């Protein structure tokens, strides 16, 4: 009976650990990342990878939904303002002189009523179309963010492990995937900063990363360069630094090799995502595809 009770308690404890999020370790990842990597290595196959993935995924979803909602509300306001101007602007005023019994410079009552009814119908149609497109944009933006994050995480882990083996280090696919998950913590912080920016200013960030330095062009080279620069910011550099630390702990290689492995892995991921983004930019001629993959390739 006692053994059965002990087994049940151990099973419940293991289940709680499986679904719990280690917020303390997430904080240590910012202050003492090497300590976190050392603890993860000691845990080996039981190392926690779910904590950073779940937390970052939730923050990415919130950031993408907030950005889409904010941009949609701005476009709706602009559309309503346009409809208002078209209803009461000079275009609705008749030519000089009397027209259908109306006074000079004013349209007839029938024309005014017809115009207001058509404007009301247009506003209703625009509102319903806008709400449906907003919902679709939210779903696609959320999917794109999650797909892009998952792609980055898995590519970073796989490439870092393969390149480490080629450099003579100790390969460990499971541990490399776990380490890669924890090196994505800066992306969660970046999304938090984006959320705070939208709340504070009411605007979304248009030119992300270093993409603002590229002139607007439709050439393949300009689009490819924009996709590359959009992924380069202080948070990407932060991830590369964390990856270099993790590679050093995992492979026991010297610092120079660890830094080189981290740089090669990050650059390759950026290039792969930029190529995919360029391909989707050329292939996707409809808004659904472009909305999905514009956030995915970030």
Protein backbone atom coordinates (compact mmCIF):
# COMPACT_ATOMS: atom_id res chain seq x y z
CA UNK A 1 0.00 0.00 0.00
CA UNK A 2 2.83 2.35 0.89
CA UNK A 3 4.68 1.50 -2.32
CA UNK A 4 1.54 2.18 -4.34
CA UNK A 5 1.11 5.57 -2.65
CA UNK A 6 4.73 6.48 -3.28
CA UNK A 7 4.43 5.47 -6.94
CA UNK A 8 1.29 7.60 -7.31
CA UNK A 9 2.98 10.62 -5.72
CA UNK A 10 6.02 10.27 -7.95
CA UNK A 11 3.79 9.99 -10.99
CA UNK A 12 1.82 13.11 -10.04
CA UNK A 13 5.04 15.01 -9.37
CA UNK A 14 6.43 14.00 -12.75
CA UNK A 15 3.20 15.06 -14.45
CA UNK A 16 3.31 18.47 -12.74
CA UNK A 17 6.93 18.98 -13.80
CA UNK A 18 6.04 18.00 -17.35
CA UNK A 19 3.40 20.72 -17.74
CA UNK A 20 4.95 23.39 -15.49
CA UNK A 21 6.79 26.45 -16.81
CA UNK A 22 10.09 27.35 -15.19
CA UNK A 23 9.82 31.15 -15.00
CA UNK A 24 12.82 31.33 -12.67
CA UNK A 25 15.04 29.75 -15.30
CA UNK A 26 13.64 32.10 -17.93
CA UNK A 27 14.79 35.01 -15.77
CA UNK A 28 18.20 33.41 -15.25
CA UNK A 29 18.51 33.04 -19.02
CA UNK A 30 18.73 36.82 -19.19
CA UNK A 31 21.05 37.31 -16.21
CA UNK A 32 23.10 34.08 -16.10
CA UNK A 33 22.72 32.14 -19.36
CA UNK A 34 25.83 29.98 -18.86
CA UNK A 35 24.43 28.69 -15.58
CA UNK A 36 21.18 27.74 -17.33
CA UNK A 37 23.05 25.85 -20.08
CA UNK A 38 25.10 24.00 -17.46
CA UNK A 39 21.95 22.95 -15.60
CA UNK A 40 20.30 21.82 -18.83
CA UNK A 41 23.34 19.74 -19.74
CA UNK A 42 23.26 18.01 -16.35
CA UNK A 43 19.59 17.15 -16.90
CA UNK A 44 20.43 15.75 -20.37
CA UNK A 45 17.40 13.86 -21.79
CA UNK A 46 15.09 15.35 -19.14
CA UNK A 47 16.11 18.90 -20.01
CA UNK A 48 13.18 21.30 -20.23
CA UNK A 49 12.49 22.76 -23.67
CA UNK A 50 8.78 23.49 -23.24
CA UNK A 51 9.13 26.52 -20.94
CA UNK A 52 10.72 28.89 -23.48
CA UNK A 53 8.71 27.52 -26.41
CA UNK A 54 5.31 27.93 -24.75
CA UNK A 55 6.03 31.37 -23.28
CA UNK A 56 7.51 32.75 -26.51
CA UNK A 57 4.65 31.28 -28.59
CA UNK A 58 2.05 33.04 -26.41
CA UNK A 59 3.90 36.37 -26.61
CA UNK A 60 4.27 36.03 -30.40
CA UNK A 61 0.56 35.36 -30.76
CA UNK A 62 -0.33 38.42 -28.68
CA UNK A 63 2.08 40.62 -30.63
CA UNK A 64 0.80 39.48 -34.03
CA UNK A 65 -2.87 39.80 -33.05
CA UNK A 66 -2.31 43.25 -31.58
CA UNK A 67 -0.43 44.43 -34.66
CA UNK A 68 -3.16 43.19 -37.03
CA UNK A 69 -5.95 44.66 -34.87
CA UNK A 70 -4.22 48.02 -34.67
CA UNK A 71 -3.51 48.25 -38.40
CA UNK A 72 -7.05 47.11 -39.25
CA UNK A 73 -8.65 49.72 -36.98
CA UNK A 74 -6.47 52.41 -38.55
CA UNK A 75 -7.49 51.39 -42.06
CA UNK A 76 -11.16 51.26 -41.02
CA UNK A 77 -10.95 54.78 -39.59
CA UNK A 78 -9.32 56.01 -42.79
CA UNK A 79 -12.03 54.35 -44.90
CA UNK A 80 -14.81 55.90 -42.84
CA UNK A 81 -13.19 59.30 -43.14
CA UNK A 82 -12.95 58.86 -46.91
CA UNK A 83 -16.62 57.90 -47.15
CA UNK A 84 -17.59 60.87 -45.02
CA UNK A 85 -15.65 63.27 -47.23
CA UNK A 86 -17.16 61.81 -50.40
CA UNK A 87 -20.70 62.17 -48.99
CA UNK A 88 -20.45 65.80 -47.91
CA UNK A 89 -17.73 67.16 -50.19
CA UNK A 90 -17.98 69.46 -53.16
CA UNK A 91 -18.65 66.50 -55.46
CA UNK A 92 -22.23 66.33 -54.16
CA UNK A 93 -22.96 69.97 -54.88
CA UNK A 94 -24.78 70.76 -58.11
CA UNK A 95 -23.53 73.20 -60.71
CA UNK A 96 -24.33 76.91 -60.42
CA UNK A 97 -27.96 77.84 -60.87
CA UNK A 98 -31.15 76.00 -60.04
CA UNK A 99 -31.22 72.22 -60.42
CA UNK A 100 -34.46 70.34 -59.86
CA UNK A 101 -35.82 73.12 -57.74
CA UNK A 102 -32.78 73.33 -55.45
CA UNK A 103 -31.06 76.58 -54.53
CA UNK A 104 -27.90 77.77 -56.24
CA UNK A 105 -24.83 75.59 -55.53
CA UNK A 106 -26.80 72.85 -53.73
CA UNK A 107 -27.83 69.48 -55.04
CA UNK A 108 -31.43 68.52 -55.17
CA UNK A 109 -33.07 66.80 -52.15
CA UNK A 110 -33.54 63.63 -54.18
CA UNK A 111 -29.88 63.56 -55.16
CA UNK A 112 -28.78 64.19 -51.57
CA UNK A 113 -30.97 61.40 -50.22
CA UNK A 114 -29.79 58.97 -52.88
CA UNK A 115 -26.16 59.86 -52.19
CA UNK A 116 -26.53 59.37 -48.43
CA UNK A 117 -28.26 56.02 -48.94
CA UNK A 118 -25.54 54.78 -51.30
CA UNK A 119 -22.85 55.99 -48.90
CA UNK A 120 -24.56 54.14 -46.04
CA UNK A 121 -24.73 50.97 -48.13
CA UNK A 122 -21.06 51.30 -49.05
CA UNK A 123 -20.10 51.78 -45.39
CA UNK A 124 -22.05 48.66 -44.37
CA UNK A 125 -20.43 46.56 -47.12
CA UNK A 126 -17.00 47.95 -46.29
CA UNK A 127 -17.50 47.26 -42.59
CA UNK A 128 -18.52 43.62 -43.14
CA UNK A 129 -15.69 43.04 -45.59
CA UNK A 130 -13.23 44.70 -43.24
CA UNK A 131 -14.31 42.58 -40.26
CA UNK A 132 -14.00 39.31 -42.22
CA UNK A 133 -10.61 40.29 -43.64
CA UNK A 134 -9.46 41.35 -40.17
CA UNK A 135 -10.34 37.93 -38.73
CA UNK A 136 -8.54 36.18 -41.59
CA UNK A 137 -5.53 38.47 -41.19
CA UNK A 138 -5.38 37.70 -37.47
CA UNK A 139 -5.40 33.96 -38.09
CA UNK A 140 -2.81 34.15 -40.87
CA UNK A 141 -0.58 36.51 -38.90
CA UNK A 142 -0.67 34.22 -35.86
CA UNK A 143 0.07 31.16 -37.99
CA UNK A 144 2.90 32.94 -39.76
CA UNK A 145 4.51 34.00 -36.49
CA UNK A 146 4.32 30.49 -35.02
CA UNK A 147 5.61 28.84 -38.20
CA UNK A 148 8.50 31.27 -38.48
CA UNK A 149 9.43 30.79 -34.83
CA UNK A 150 9.25 26.99 -35.09
CA UNK A 151 11.35 27.03 -38.25
CA UNK A 152 14.00 29.21 -36.60
CA UNK A 153 14.13 27.04 -33.48
CA UNK A 154 14.48 23.71 -35.31
CA UNK A 155 16.95 25.02 -37.90
CA UNK A 156 19.17 26.61 -35.25
CA UNK A 157 19.29 23.38 -33.23
CA UNK A 158 19.91 21.10 -36.22
CA UNK A 159 22.56 23.28 -37.86
CA UNK A 160 24.42 23.97 -34.61
CA UNK A 161 24.57 20.24 -33.88
CA UNK A 162 25.73 19.27 -37.39
CA UNK A 163 28.35 22.01 -37.61
CA UNK A 164 29.61 21.16 -34.11
CA UNK A 165 30.15 17.55 -35.16
CA UNK A 166 32.04 18.69 -38.27
CA UNK A 167 34.27 20.80 -36.01
CA UNK A 168 35.09 17.77 -33.87
CA UNK A 169 32.69 18.50 -31.02
CA UNK A 170 30.36 16.17 -29.15
CA UNK A 171 27.08 15.89 -31.04
CA UNK A 172 23.80 15.62 -29.15
CA UNK A 173 20.65 16.22 -31.19
CA UNK A 174 18.29 16.30 -28.21
CA UNK A 175 20.43 18.69 -26.19
CA UNK A 176 21.08 20.91 -29.21
CA UNK A 177 17.31 21.25 -29.75
CA UNK A 178 16.82 22.14 -26.08
CA UNK A 179 19.63 24.71 -26.16
CA UNK A 180 18.22 26.21 -29.36
CA UNK A 181 14.85 26.63 -27.68
CA UNK A 182 16.41 28.60 -24.83
CA UNK A 183 18.45 30.77 -27.19
CA UNK A 184 15.14 32.00 -28.68
CA UNK A 185 14.31 33.88 -25.45
CA UNK A 186 15.45 37.21 -27.05
CA UNK A 187 12.71 36.80 -29.67
CA UNK A 188 10.12 36.72 -26.90
CA UNK A 189 11.59 39.90 -25.43
CA UNK A 190 11.52 41.51 -28.89
CA UNK A 191 7.81 40.70 -29.19
CA UNK A 192 7.20 42.19 -25.75
CA UNK A 193 8.92 45.39 -26.86
CA UNK A 194 6.74 45.45 -29.98
CA UNK A 195 3.61 45.07 -27.86
CA UNK A 196 4.70 47.94 -25.62
CA UNK A 197 5.46 50.09 -28.67
CA UNK A 198 2.02 49.50 -30.19
CA UNK A 199 0.28 50.24 -26.87
CA UNK A 200 2.33 53.41 -26.30
CA UNK A 201 2.19 54.89 -29.81
CA UNK A 202 -0.83 53.24 -31.41
CA UNK A 203 1.27 52.39 -34.47
CA UNK A 204 2.97 49.23 -35.67
CA UNK A 205 6.63 48.99 -36.67
CA UNK A 206 6.75 49.01 -40.46
CA UNK A 207 10.48 48.69 -41.21
CA UNK A 208 11.59 45.88 -38.90
CA UNK A 209 15.26 45.19 -38.24
CA UNK A 210 17.55 46.93 -40.71
CA UNK A 211 15.10 46.68 -43.62
CA UNK A 212 14.54 50.45 -43.48
CA UNK A 213 17.92 50.96 -45.14
CA UNK A 214 16.71 49.27 -48.33
CA UNK A 215 14.96 51.43 -50.90
CA UNK A 216 11.54 50.25 -52.02
CA UNK A 217 11.92 48.14 -55.14
CA UNK A 218 10.30 45.13 -56.77
CA UNK A 219 13.51 43.56 -58.04
CA UNK A 220 14.42 40.13 -56.74
CA UNK A 221 17.74 41.32 -55.31
CA UNK A 222 16.12 44.20 -53.42
CA UNK A 223 13.43 41.92 -51.96
CA UNK A 224 16.04 39.33 -50.99
CA UNK A 225 18.18 41.98 -49.30
CA UNK A 226 15.15 43.35 -47.47
CA UNK A 227 14.27 39.86 -46.18
CA UNK A 228 17.81 39.46 -44.88
CA UNK A 229 18.02 42.87 -43.19
CA UNK A 230 14.55 42.46 -41.65
CA UNK A 231 15.91 39.58 -39.56
CA UNK A 232 18.99 41.42 -38.30
CA UNK A 233 18.61 43.38 -35.08
CA UNK A 234 20.01 43.45 -31.56
CA UNK A 235 17.89 40.44 -30.58
CA UNK A 236 19.35 38.30 -33.36
CA UNK A 237 22.85 39.26 -32.18
CA UNK A 238 21.80 38.39 -28.63
CA UNK A 239 20.62 34.97 -29.82
CA UNK A 240 23.97 34.37 -31.55
CA UNK A 241 25.82 35.19 -28.31
CA UNK A 242 23.61 32.79 -26.33
CA UNK A 243 24.08 30.10 -28.97
CA UNK A 244 27.86 30.47 -28.77
CA UNK A 245 27.67 29.93 -25.00
CA UNK A 246 25.42 26.91 -25.41
CA UNK A 247 27.61 25.34 -28.08
CA UNK A 248 30.65 25.77 -25.83
CA UNK A 249 28.89 24.03 -22.93
CA UNK A 250 27.50 21.23 -25.10
CA UNK A 251 30.51 20.43 -27.28
CA UNK A 252 33.42 21.37 -24.94
CA UNK A 253 35.03 23.21 -27.86
CA UNK A 254 37.11 26.33 -27.37
CA UNK A 255 35.55 29.79 -27.50
CA UNK A 256 36.64 30.65 -31.04
CA UNK A 257 35.11 27.51 -32.53
CA UNK A 258 31.92 27.98 -30.52
CA UNK A 259 31.52 31.56 -31.77
CA UNK A 260 32.20 30.47 -35.35
CA UNK A 261 29.64 27.66 -35.12
CA UNK A 262 27.03 30.05 -33.72
CA UNK A 263 27.68 32.65 -36.43
CA UNK A 264 27.50 30.10 -39.24
CA UNK A 265 24.27 28.63 -37.86
CA UNK A 266 22.55 32.01 -37.45
CA UNK A 267 23.67 33.28 -40.87
CA UNK A 268 22.49 30.08 -42.57
CA UNK A 269 19.09 30.35 -40.89
CA UNK A 270 18.78 33.99 -42.00
CA UNK A 271 19.70 33.07 -45.57
CA UNK A 272 17.29 30.11 -45.68
CA UNK A 273 14.39 32.21 -44.38
CA UNK A 274 15.25 35.04 -46.77
CA UNK A 275 15.26 32.64 -49.73
CA UNK A 276 11.93 31.19 -48.65
CA UNK A 277 10.54 34.69 -48.23
CA UNK A 278 11.74 35.67 -51.70
CA UNK A 279 10.16 32.56 -53.18
CA UNK A 280 6.81 33.18 -51.52
CA UNK A 281 6.97 36.84 -52.51
CA UNK A 282 7.31 35.87 -56.15
CA UNK A 283 4.86 32.98 -56.13
CA UNK A 284 2.14 34.44 -53.91
CA UNK A 285 0.07 36.88 -55.92
CA UNK A 286 -2.89 36.84 -53.53
CA UNK A 287 -3.13 38.56 -50.17
CA UNK A 288 -3.71 35.32 -48.23
CA UNK A 289 -0.29 33.91 -49.01
CA UNK A 290 1.55 37.18 -48.55
CA UNK A 291 -0.11 37.79 -45.17
CA UNK A 292 0.84 34.35 -43.95
CA UNK A 293 4.47 34.32 -45.04
CA UNK A 294 5.35 37.95 -44.38
CA UNK A 295 5.19 37.21 -40.65
CA UNK A 296 6.62 33.73 -41.06
CA UNK A 297 9.84 35.00 -42.62
CA UNK A 298 10.52 37.46 -39.80
